[in-house]
């Protein structure tokens, strides 16, 4: 069950949003009285309510907005109980000042906006003695291991427990709460109106992650990177899982480089079966693997991990996806790559994978990067050529591939290659997929070039990952349509 938190200054707005959320399928709504301006008319909020409510009035020190007297605040909570609300949230330190009455369930809560304490179990044990129907602990996640501590706590608790790690790093705890035994999790009315750090909207929880379908035996997959909020991988993988009825969920996980090794060691404890890997972890992950495919051996970059009984197994789907995307538009398919001069912009993990496959198919590969040292290392690794970033537009190439983030949203007016150097004889592939029609793609099309958008490559690499994750054929059309709807691209 998802509890939708509503905090509005006016009574009529709170009532309207309550009715709207129930119409959208919300089974429980939290009314945040501390957001109401002036006197709270509790009966007006509760009479003829369209569904069950949880009443909360949070003090400033607990992350709320209530600035009145403590006596008045406690009086409101007692009044809510007298009115027969379904749940009331009571902070740990005042639990003994509000007695149980009627059928109202008591949620005893604690919030820590600085850290996740190391003694979660002892804190939980203390709170469990306060006549709690539900224990709620919300803490700030500073490392991925904080999520694991919180999920373990919920799973082992004898009293129903809601454990939330706040902040972007804590997102997994919100989505996986039900898998680990929480009676419900929290969401906000709208993505732009989060009432707590890292809180997701009801739409995200319901329509993307399908929270109410997540059970104890649900398989977990994720994309790891830093940053990660921009990733569209959760959208397309969850859409694909849902389309084929697979009992799985796919999450975004922000993992800093210094936490990567510890996270990979502990990931299976979260139910994680496989991972997509993005910037900046592709090369660091590859160094930690013993079982890898030939592309990783050749490039030292991994973008896919599976957890098996014998350990982590690594793959790189960028390589195959780039070749398939190019072959789709080249007369003669893959065989036409042999002998072609290919200019690759960038020297990161994706560039390595693409260059590796092109070299294996007999292409003359030229690397140009804004970081000359990385370009030089790549040329030595793959026995190809390098040119300076300033000289890139002087390369006489047949195929141009952009593996840099130049042109990515929100910097949509940038391009890594001037339009005047694009020739009708060129095929241009841009790995940037948001937007689909980057300035580079628009310029190339205007110059008569054959173009391949980043959407095609992104969906193909994700489809290859999906096969590895699920063992079945992915619904590529659904993945492609989902991505295009998300980025607002026009299919041309």
Protein backbone atom coordinates (compact mmCIF):
# COMPACT_ATOMS: atom_id res chain seq x y z
CA UNK A 1 0.00 0.00 0.00
CA UNK A 2 1.16 3.55 -0.78
CA UNK A 3 0.38 6.38 1.62
CA UNK A 4 0.22 9.71 -0.22
CA UNK A 5 1.39 12.69 1.83
CA UNK A 6 -0.59 15.89 1.27
CA UNK A 7 0.57 19.21 2.65
CA UNK A 8 -1.38 22.32 1.60
CA UNK A 9 -1.92 25.64 3.32
CA UNK A 10 -5.66 25.79 2.56
CA UNK A 11 -8.28 23.33 3.70
CA UNK A 12 -10.09 23.23 0.37
CA UNK A 13 -6.90 22.35 -1.49
CA UNK A 14 -6.11 19.55 0.92
CA UNK A 15 -9.65 18.16 0.58
CA UNK A 16 -9.52 18.40 -3.23
CA UNK A 17 -6.17 16.62 -3.41
CA UNK A 18 -7.40 13.93 -1.03
CA UNK A 19 -10.36 13.21 -3.31
CA UNK A 20 -8.15 13.28 -6.40
CA UNK A 21 -5.65 10.79 -4.98
CA UNK A 22 -8.41 8.37 -3.99
CA UNK A 23 -9.76 8.59 -7.53
CA UNK A 24 -6.27 7.67 -8.77
CA UNK A 25 -6.17 4.56 -6.59
CA UNK A 26 -4.51 5.76 -3.39
CA UNK A 27 -5.58 3.55 -0.47
CA UNK A 28 -4.27 5.82 2.29
CA UNK A 29 -3.61 9.56 2.52
CA UNK A 30 -1.50 11.40 5.09
CA UNK A 31 -2.94 14.80 6.03
CA UNK A 32 -0.04 17.01 7.14
CA UNK A 33 -1.75 19.45 9.50
CA UNK A 34 1.50 21.34 10.04
CA UNK A 35 1.21 22.72 6.48
CA UNK A 36 -2.19 24.34 7.10
CA UNK A 37 -2.14 28.12 7.54
CA UNK A 38 -3.96 29.48 10.56
CA UNK A 39 -6.33 27.44 12.67
CA UNK A 40 -6.83 23.82 11.63
CA UNK A 41 -10.51 22.93 11.15
CA UNK A 42 -10.04 19.23 11.65
CA UNK A 43 -13.65 18.20 11.28
CA UNK A 44 -13.82 19.96 7.90
CA UNK A 45 -10.88 17.84 6.70
CA UNK A 46 -12.29 14.59 8.07
CA UNK A 47 -16.04 14.75 7.51
CA UNK A 48 -17.10 12.90 4.36
CA UNK A 49 -13.51 11.93 3.66
CA UNK A 50 -13.28 9.65 0.61
CA UNK A 51 -10.88 7.16 2.16
CA UNK A 52 -8.70 6.26 5.15
CA UNK A 53 -6.37 8.91 6.54
CA UNK A 54 -3.22 9.21 8.57
CA UNK A 55 -3.04 12.46 10.55
CA UNK A 56 0.36 14.02 11.17
CA UNK A 57 1.39 17.34 12.66
CA UNK A 58 5.16 17.56 12.44
CA UNK A 59 7.34 19.96 14.45
CA UNK A 60 10.09 21.95 12.73
CA UNK A 61 12.81 19.94 14.51
CA UNK A 62 11.32 16.77 12.98
CA UNK A 63 11.23 18.20 9.46
CA UNK A 64 7.76 19.74 9.67
CA UNK A 65 6.29 23.24 9.60
CA UNK A 66 4.37 23.47 12.86
CA UNK A 67 5.42 26.50 14.90
CA UNK A 68 2.60 26.67 17.47
CA UNK A 69 2.73 25.48 21.06
CA UNK A 70 3.38 21.84 21.83
CA UNK A 71 0.21 21.76 23.92
CA UNK A 72 -1.88 22.81 20.91
CA UNK A 73 -0.15 20.29 18.65
CA UNK A 74 -0.79 17.39 20.98
CA UNK A 75 -4.38 18.55 21.41
CA UNK A 76 -4.90 18.32 17.63
CA UNK A 77 -3.54 14.78 17.54
CA UNK A 78 -5.82 13.74 20.45
CA UNK A 79 -8.78 15.34 18.64
CA UNK A 80 -7.95 13.38 15.48
CA UNK A 81 -8.01 10.16 17.49
CA UNK A 82 -11.36 11.15 19.04
CA UNK A 83 -12.71 11.75 15.52
CA UNK A 84 -11.82 8.15 14.64
CA UNK A 85 -9.05 8.63 12.08
CA UNK A 86 -7.52 5.40 10.86
CA UNK A 87 -3.91 6.29 11.80
CA UNK A 88 -2.13 8.97 13.79
CA UNK A 89 1.61 9.69 13.73
CA UNK A 90 3.13 10.29 17.17
CA UNK A 91 6.81 11.11 17.72
CA UNK A 92 8.67 8.83 20.10
CA UNK A 93 9.28 11.48 22.74
CA UNK A 94 5.56 12.31 23.18
CA UNK A 95 4.13 8.81 22.79
CA UNK A 96 3.35 8.54 26.51
CA UNK A 97 1.37 11.82 26.40
CA UNK A 98 -1.18 10.56 23.87
CA UNK A 99 -3.21 7.56 24.98
CA UNK A 100 -4.80 4.91 22.80
CA UNK A 101 -8.48 5.38 22.07
CA UNK A 102 -10.92 3.60 19.77
CA UNK A 103 -9.74 1.88 16.60
CA UNK A 104 -7.10 4.47 15.63
CA UNK A 105 -3.72 2.85 15.01
CA UNK A 106 -0.66 4.45 16.53
CA UNK A 107 2.42 5.05 14.38
CA UNK A 108 5.35 5.84 16.65
CA UNK A 109 7.95 7.73 14.62
CA UNK A 110 11.52 8.98 14.71
CA UNK A 111 13.36 11.15 12.16
CA UNK A 112 17.08 11.76 11.71
CA UNK A 113 17.95 14.19 8.89
CA UNK A 114 21.71 13.85 9.29
CA UNK A 115 22.50 10.13 9.27
CA UNK A 116 21.34 6.56 9.62
CA UNK A 117 22.33 5.54 13.16
CA UNK A 118 24.43 2.44 13.64
CA UNK A 119 22.19 1.27 16.51
CA UNK A 120 18.95 0.95 14.52
CA UNK A 121 17.99 -2.27 16.27
CA UNK A 122 18.25 -0.79 19.76
CA UNK A 123 16.32 2.30 18.65
CA UNK A 124 13.60 0.07 17.22
CA UNK A 125 13.47 -2.03 20.39
CA UNK A 126 13.00 1.13 22.47
CA UNK A 127 10.22 2.43 20.23
CA UNK A 128 8.48 -0.95 20.24
CA UNK A 129 7.71 -0.53 23.95
CA UNK A 130 5.59 2.60 23.34
CA UNK A 131 2.29 0.89 22.51
CA UNK A 132 2.98 1.06 18.77
CA UNK A 133 0.86 -0.55 16.10
CA UNK A 134 3.53 0.51 13.60
CA UNK A 135 7.06 1.74 14.17
CA UNK A 136 8.31 4.31 11.66
CA UNK A 137 12.00 5.23 11.40
CA UNK A 138 13.13 7.72 8.76
CA UNK A 139 16.83 8.53 8.50
CA UNK A 140 19.16 10.14 5.97
CA UNK A 141 21.11 7.71 3.79
CA UNK A 142 24.76 8.70 3.36
CA UNK A 143 25.94 5.37 1.93
CA UNK A 144 24.24 2.49 0.07
CA UNK A 145 24.77 0.27 3.12
CA UNK A 146 22.29 2.45 5.04
CA UNK A 147 19.55 1.05 2.80
CA UNK A 148 20.60 -2.49 3.64
CA UNK A 149 20.52 -1.77 7.39
CA UNK A 150 17.02 -0.35 7.07
CA UNK A 151 15.69 -3.16 4.89
CA UNK A 152 17.16 -5.76 7.26
CA UNK A 153 15.47 -4.00 10.18
CA UNK A 154 12.04 -4.11 8.53
CA UNK A 155 12.42 -7.74 7.58
CA UNK A 156 13.39 -8.88 11.09
CA UNK A 157 10.98 -6.67 13.06
CA UNK A 158 8.24 -8.37 15.06
CA UNK A 159 6.12 -5.21 15.12
CA UNK A 160 5.11 -3.88 11.64
CA UNK A 161 7.81 -1.40 10.72
CA UNK A 162 8.23 1.29 8.08
CA UNK A 163 11.92 2.00 7.55
CA UNK A 164 12.80 4.81 5.16
CA UNK A 165 16.18 6.12 4.12
CA UNK A 166 15.74 9.70 2.95
CA UNK A 167 17.66 11.41 0.17
CA UNK A 168 18.54 10.24 -3.34
CA UNK A 169 20.79 7.45 -2.05
CA UNK A 170 17.83 6.16 -0.02
CA UNK A 171 15.41 5.70 -2.95
CA UNK A 172 15.74 1.87 -2.90
CA UNK A 173 14.39 1.72 0.65
CA UNK A 174 11.21 3.51 -0.41
CA UNK A 175 10.52 1.26 -3.39
CA UNK A 176 11.55 -2.00 -1.70
CA UNK A 177 9.79 -1.35 1.62
CA UNK A 178 6.95 -3.77 0.84
CA UNK A 179 9.32 -6.52 -0.27
CA UNK A 180 10.92 -6.38 3.16
CA UNK A 181 7.70 -6.35 5.17
CA UNK A 182 6.60 -2.72 5.61
CA UNK A 183 2.81 -2.27 5.92
CA UNK A 184 3.05 0.68 3.53
CA UNK A 185 5.45 3.24 2.08
CA UNK A 186 5.10 6.97 1.50
CA UNK A 187 4.78 9.00 -1.68
CA UNK A 188 3.98 12.61 -2.43
CA UNK A 189 1.06 14.09 -4.37
CA UNK A 190 3.35 15.41 -7.09
CA UNK A 191 7.05 14.99 -7.92
CA UNK A 192 7.66 18.73 -7.41
CA UNK A 193 6.02 18.76 -3.98
CA UNK A 194 8.03 16.25 -1.96
CA UNK A 195 7.46 16.62 1.78
CA UNK A 196 10.63 14.71 2.68
CA UNK A 197 14.07 14.40 1.01
CA UNK A 198 14.01 11.87 -1.82
CA UNK A 199 10.26 11.25 -1.66
CA UNK A 200 8.83 9.92 -4.94
CA UNK A 201 5.43 10.84 -6.32
CA UNK A 202 2.43 8.52 -6.24
CA UNK A 203 2.56 8.38 -10.03
CA UNK A 204 6.19 7.25 -10.00
CA UNK A 205 5.59 4.63 -7.32
CA UNK A 206 2.39 3.34 -8.91
CA UNK A 207 2.94 3.70 -12.66
CA UNK A 208 6.71 3.18 -13.01
CA UNK A 209 7.67 0.87 -10.15
CA UNK A 210 4.26 -0.82 -9.74
CA UNK A 211 4.83 -0.77 -5.99
CA UNK A 212 1.72 -2.72 -5.01
CA UNK A 213 2.89 -5.66 -7.11
CA UNK A 214 6.27 -5.92 -5.35
CA UNK A 215 6.33 -8.96 -3.07
CA UNK A 216 8.89 -10.79 -0.96
CA UNK A 217 9.91 -12.93 -3.97
CA UNK A 218 10.21 -10.04 -6.45
CA UNK A 219 13.57 -9.96 -8.25
CA UNK A 220 15.42 -6.64 -8.10
CA UNK A 221 17.50 -5.06 -10.85
CA UNK A 222 19.04 -1.60 -10.92
CA UNK A 223 21.16 0.90 -12.78
CA UNK A 224 24.10 2.28 -10.81
CA UNK A 225 25.93 5.52 -11.51
CA UNK A 226 26.77 8.95 -10.17
CA UNK A 227 24.75 10.99 -11.00
CA UNK A 228 21.79 8.74 -11.76
CA UNK A 229 18.61 10.86 -11.51
CA UNK A 230 18.68 11.55 -15.27
CA UNK A 231 18.62 7.86 -16.24
CA UNK A 232 15.65 6.58 -18.24
CA UNK A 233 16.63 2.94 -17.73
CA UNK A 234 14.10 2.41 -14.90
CA UNK A 235 11.31 3.62 -17.18
CA UNK A 236 11.97 1.23 -20.02
CA UNK A 237 13.00 -1.84 -18.00
CA UNK A 238 10.00 -1.59 -15.65
CA UNK A 239 7.70 -1.10 -18.64
CA UNK A 240 9.18 -4.23 -20.20
CA UNK A 241 8.89 -6.29 -16.99
CA UNK A 242 5.28 -5.19 -16.60
CA UNK A 243 4.43 -5.97 -20.23
CA UNK A 244 5.56 -9.59 -20.00
CA UNK A 245 4.26 -10.11 -16.45
CA UNK A 246 7.71 -10.70 -14.95
CA UNK A 247 7.89 -10.48 -11.15
CA UNK A 248 10.71 -7.94 -11.09
CA UNK A 249 11.44 -4.27 -10.40
CA UNK A 250 14.26 -2.05 -11.68
CA UNK A 251 15.61 0.86 -9.61
CA UNK A 252 17.99 3.80 -10.01
CA UNK A 253 20.79 3.68 -7.43
CA UNK A 254 23.24 6.49 -6.87
CA UNK A 255 26.54 4.87 -5.93
CA UNK A 256 29.66 6.94 -5.34
CA UNK A 257 32.98 5.49 -6.50
CA UNK A 258 34.28 5.08 -2.95
CA UNK A 259 31.25 2.93 -2.06
CA UNK A 260 31.17 0.81 -5.22
CA UNK A 261 33.10 -2.24 -4.04
CA UNK A 262 31.17 -2.51 -0.77
CA UNK A 263 27.88 -2.09 -2.60
CA UNK A 264 28.64 -4.86 -5.11
CA UNK A 265 29.54 -7.19 -2.27
CA UNK A 266 26.29 -6.52 -0.40
CA UNK A 267 23.89 -6.05 -3.34
CA UNK A 268 22.42 -9.59 -3.21
CA UNK A 269 21.19 -8.87 0.34
CA UNK A 270 18.77 -6.39 -1.25
CA UNK A 271 17.46 -9.07 -3.59
CA UNK A 272 19.47 -7.65 -6.50
CA UNK A 273 19.95 -10.15 -9.33
CA UNK A 274 21.54 -7.90 -11.94
CA UNK A 275 22.78 -4.39 -12.62
CA UNK A 276 23.17 -1.94 -15.45
CA UNK A 277 26.32 0.14 -15.04
CA UNK A 278 26.74 3.70 -16.25
CA UNK A 279 29.07 6.69 -15.80
CA UNK A 280 31.49 6.72 -14.01
CA UNK A 281 31.62 3.05 -12.98
CA UNK A 282 32.05 1.04 -16.20
CA UNK A 283 35.82 0.73 -15.94
CA UNK A 284 36.01 0.41 -12.15
CA UNK A 285 33.44 -2.40 -12.19
CA UNK A 286 35.37 -4.25 -14.89
CA UNK A 287 38.43 -4.37 -12.64
CA UNK A 288 36.44 -6.15 -9.93
CA UNK A 289 35.19 -8.97 -12.19
CA UNK A 290 36.65 -12.42 -12.74
CA UNK A 291 34.01 -13.71 -15.17
CA UNK A 292 33.63 -11.39 -18.18
CA UNK A 293 32.72 -11.44 -21.87
CA UNK A 294 35.23 -10.81 -24.65
CA UNK A 295 34.32 -7.13 -25.02
CA UNK A 296 35.27 -6.44 -21.40
CA UNK A 297 38.51 -8.35 -21.90
CA UNK A 298 39.26 -6.13 -24.90
CA UNK A 299 38.14 -2.80 -23.47
CA UNK A 300 38.18 -2.96 -19.68
CA UNK A 301 34.63 -1.55 -19.53
CA UNK A 302 31.46 -3.30 -18.31
CA UNK A 303 27.88 -2.06 -18.47
CA UNK A 304 26.01 -5.15 -17.26
CA UNK A 305 26.40 -7.41 -14.19
CA UNK A 306 24.65 -10.60 -13.18
CA UNK A 307 24.95 -12.10 -9.71
CA UNK A 308 25.33 -15.88 -9.91
CA UNK A 309 26.10 -18.57 -7.32
CA UNK A 310 29.71 -18.49 -8.51
CA UNK A 311 30.04 -14.70 -8.29
CA UNK A 312 29.55 -11.66 -10.49
CA UNK A 313 29.49 -12.10 -14.25
CA UNK A 314 30.13 -9.08 -16.47
CA UNK A 315 28.98 -8.17 -19.98
CA UNK A 316 29.10 -5.18 -22.29
CA UNK A 317 26.01 -4.61 -24.40
CA UNK A 318 27.07 -1.17 -25.70
CA UNK A 319 29.33 -2.83 -28.23
CA UNK A 320 26.73 -5.04 -29.89
CA UNK A 321 24.07 -2.33 -29.72
CA UNK A 322 26.22 0.16 -31.63
CA UNK A 323 27.00 -2.34 -34.39
CA UNK A 324 23.35 -3.35 -34.76
CA UNK A 325 22.26 0.29 -34.85
CA UNK A 326 24.78 1.16 -37.56
CA UNK A 327 24.13 -1.99 -39.59
CA UNK A 328 20.44 -1.12 -39.70
CA UNK A 329 21.22 2.03 -41.73
CA UNK A 330 24.32 0.99 -43.70
CA UNK A 331 23.85 -0.51 -47.17
CA UNK A 332 25.40 -3.95 -46.85
CA UNK A 333 24.86 -4.16 -43.07
CA UNK A 334 27.73 -5.11 -40.76
CA UNK A 335 29.97 -6.19 -43.62
CA UNK A 336 29.96 -2.63 -44.93
CA UNK A 337 31.91 -1.48 -41.84
CA UNK A 338 35.13 -3.12 -43.01
CA UNK A 339 37.60 -0.56 -44.38
CA UNK A 340 35.50 2.45 -43.35
CA UNK A 341 37.12 5.34 -41.47
CA UNK A 342 35.17 5.92 -38.25
CA UNK A 343 35.67 9.00 -36.08
CA UNK A 344 34.64 8.42 -32.47
CA UNK A 345 34.20 11.46 -30.26
CA UNK A 346 34.99 10.63 -26.63
CA UNK A 347 37.15 8.02 -24.92
CA UNK A 348 35.00 6.77 -22.04
CA UNK A 349 33.45 3.36 -21.44
CA UNK A 350 30.93 3.58 -24.27
CA UNK A 351 33.59 4.78 -26.72
CA UNK A 352 35.82 1.87 -25.76
CA UNK A 353 33.09 -0.69 -26.40
CA UNK A 354 32.10 0.85 -29.72
CA UNK A 355 35.72 1.19 -30.91
CA UNK A 356 36.48 -2.41 -29.94
CA UNK A 357 33.70 -3.86 -32.10
CA UNK A 358 34.49 -1.58 -35.02
CA UNK A 359 38.16 -2.56 -34.95
CA UNK A 360 37.16 -6.24 -34.88
CA UNK A 361 35.15 -5.63 -38.04
CA UNK A 362 38.07 -4.07 -39.88
CA UNK A 363 37.25 -0.39 -39.49
CA UNK A 364 39.90 2.32 -39.39
CA UNK A 365 39.05 3.91 -36.04
CA UNK A 366 40.09 7.44 -35.06
CA UNK A 367 39.57 8.67 -31.49
CA UNK A 368 39.19 12.32 -30.50
CA UNK A 369 38.62 13.31 -26.89
CA UNK A 370 38.65 16.47 -24.84
CA UNK A 371 40.95 14.48 -22.53
CA UNK A 372 43.99 13.64 -24.70
CA UNK A 373 45.43 11.19 -22.16
CA UNK A 374 42.31 9.01 -22.31
CA UNK A 375 42.32 9.06 -26.11
CA UNK A 376 45.97 8.00 -26.18
CA UNK A 377 45.36 5.08 -23.80
CA UNK A 378 42.46 3.91 -25.94
CA UNK A 379 44.50 4.01 -29.14
CA UNK A 380 47.22 1.95 -27.50
CA UNK A 381 44.68 -0.55 -26.19
CA UNK A 382 42.88 -1.04 -29.51
CA UNK A 383 45.65 -0.24 -31.99
CA UNK A 384 43.82 2.68 -33.57
CA UNK A 385 44.59 6.36 -34.19
CA UNK A 386 43.98 9.54 -32.20
CA UNK A 387 43.64 13.19 -33.17
CA UNK A 388 43.35 16.24 -30.94
CA UNK A 389 39.94 17.64 -30.13
CA UNK A 390 40.76 20.76 -32.15
CA UNK A 391 41.61 18.63 -35.20
CA UNK A 392 38.58 16.32 -35.08
CA UNK A 393 36.63 18.12 -37.82
CA UNK A 394 39.49 17.67 -40.27
CA UNK A 395 39.24 13.88 -40.23
CA UNK A 396 37.96 12.47 -43.52
CA UNK A 397 35.56 9.89 -42.10
CA UNK A 398 32.66 7.87 -43.45
CA UNK A 399 31.07 7.23 -40.05
CA UNK A 400 30.90 9.71 -37.15
CA UNK A 401 29.93 8.49 -33.67
CA UNK A 402 29.41 10.83 -30.73
CA UNK A 403 30.13 9.10 -27.41
CA UNK A 404 30.31 12.33 -25.39
CA UNK A 405 27.41 13.89 -23.42
CA UNK A 406 27.58 17.05 -25.55
CA UNK A 407 24.06 17.91 -26.68
CA UNK A 408 22.35 16.07 -23.82
CA UNK A 409 19.41 17.70 -22.03
CA UNK A 410 19.40 20.40 -20.79
CA UNK A 411 22.30 21.58 -23.02
CA UNK A 412 20.33 20.92 -26.19
CA UNK A 413 21.89 23.80 -28.15
CA UNK A 414 25.36 22.24 -28.04
CA UNK A 415 26.95 19.97 -30.61
CA UNK A 416 30.32 18.18 -30.64
CA UNK A 417 30.74 18.61 -34.42
CA UNK A 418 30.16 21.72 -36.52
CA UNK A 419 27.44 21.40 -39.16
CA UNK A 420 29.66 22.74 -41.96
CA UNK A 421 31.99 19.74 -41.68
CA UNK A 422 29.20 17.19 -42.12
CA UNK A 423 29.00 15.65 -45.59
CA UNK A 424 26.14 13.81 -47.33
CA UNK A 425 28.39 10.75 -47.64
CA UNK A 426 28.59 10.39 -43.83
CA UNK A 427 26.61 8.20 -41.44
CA UNK A 428 26.19 9.89 -38.05
CA UNK A 429 25.36 8.04 -34.82
CA UNK A 430 24.78 10.06 -31.65
CA UNK A 431 24.70 8.00 -28.44
CA UNK A 432 22.86 10.82 -26.64
CA UNK A 433 19.18 9.82 -26.39
CA UNK A 434 17.70 12.76 -24.48
CA UNK A 435 16.68 14.48 -26.64
CA UNK A 436 16.39 11.93 -29.43
CA UNK A 437 16.84 14.62 -32.06
CA UNK A 438 20.01 16.25 -30.78
CA UNK A 439 21.48 19.27 -32.53
CA UNK A 440 24.08 16.94 -34.06
CA UNK A 441 21.36 14.70 -35.51
CA UNK A 442 19.39 17.70 -36.78
CA UNK A 443 22.48 19.19 -38.42
CA UNK A 444 23.46 15.86 -39.96
CA UNK A 445 19.99 15.38 -41.39
CA UNK A 446 20.00 18.90 -42.84
CA UNK A 447 23.31 18.12 -44.57
CA UNK A 448 21.94 14.94 -46.16
CA UNK A 449 23.73 12.47 -43.86
CA UNK A 450 22.34 9.10 -42.87
CA UNK A 451 21.49 9.42 -39.14
CA UNK A 452 21.11 6.97 -36.27
CA UNK A 453 19.69 8.42 -33.05
CA UNK A 454 20.78 7.59 -29.55
CA UNK A 455 17.31 6.20 -28.87
CA UNK A 456 18.01 3.28 -31.19
CA UNK A 457 21.32 2.40 -29.56
CA UNK A 458 20.02 2.93 -26.03
CA UNK A 459 17.02 0.68 -26.55
CA UNK A 460 19.12 -2.00 -28.22
CA UNK A 461 21.68 -2.12 -25.41
CA UNK A 462 18.85 -2.19 -22.86
CA UNK A 463 17.13 -5.00 -24.80
CA UNK A 464 20.35 -7.02 -24.71
CA UNK A 465 20.54 -6.43 -20.97
CA UNK A 466 16.91 -7.49 -20.61
CA UNK A 467 17.69 -10.81 -22.31
CA UNK A 468 20.54 -11.37 -19.87
CA UNK A 469 18.34 -10.43 -16.90
CA UNK A 470 15.22 -12.40 -17.84
CA UNK A 471 16.25 -15.07 -20.31
CA UNK A 472 13.36 -14.06 -22.61
CA UNK A 473 12.94 -11.80 -25.62
CA UNK A 474 12.27 -8.19 -24.63
CA UNK A 475 9.29 -6.18 -25.90
CA UNK A 476 11.52 -3.72 -27.80
CA UNK A 477 8.65 -1.70 -29.25
CA UNK A 478 7.31 -1.02 -25.76
CA UNK A 479 10.76 -0.05 -24.52
CA UNK A 480 11.27 2.28 -27.49
CA UNK A 481 7.83 3.89 -27.20
CA UNK A 482 8.26 4.37 -23.45
CA UNK A 483 11.59 6.14 -23.93
CA UNK A 484 10.23 8.39 -26.68
CA UNK A 485 7.23 9.42 -24.62
CA UNK A 486 9.49 10.22 -21.70
CA UNK A 487 11.95 12.45 -23.54
CA UNK A 488 9.23 14.03 -25.67
CA UNK A 489 10.93 12.93 -28.86
CA UNK A 490 9.28 13.03 -32.26
CA UNK A 491 9.62 9.87 -34.31
CA UNK A 492 10.89 11.06 -37.68
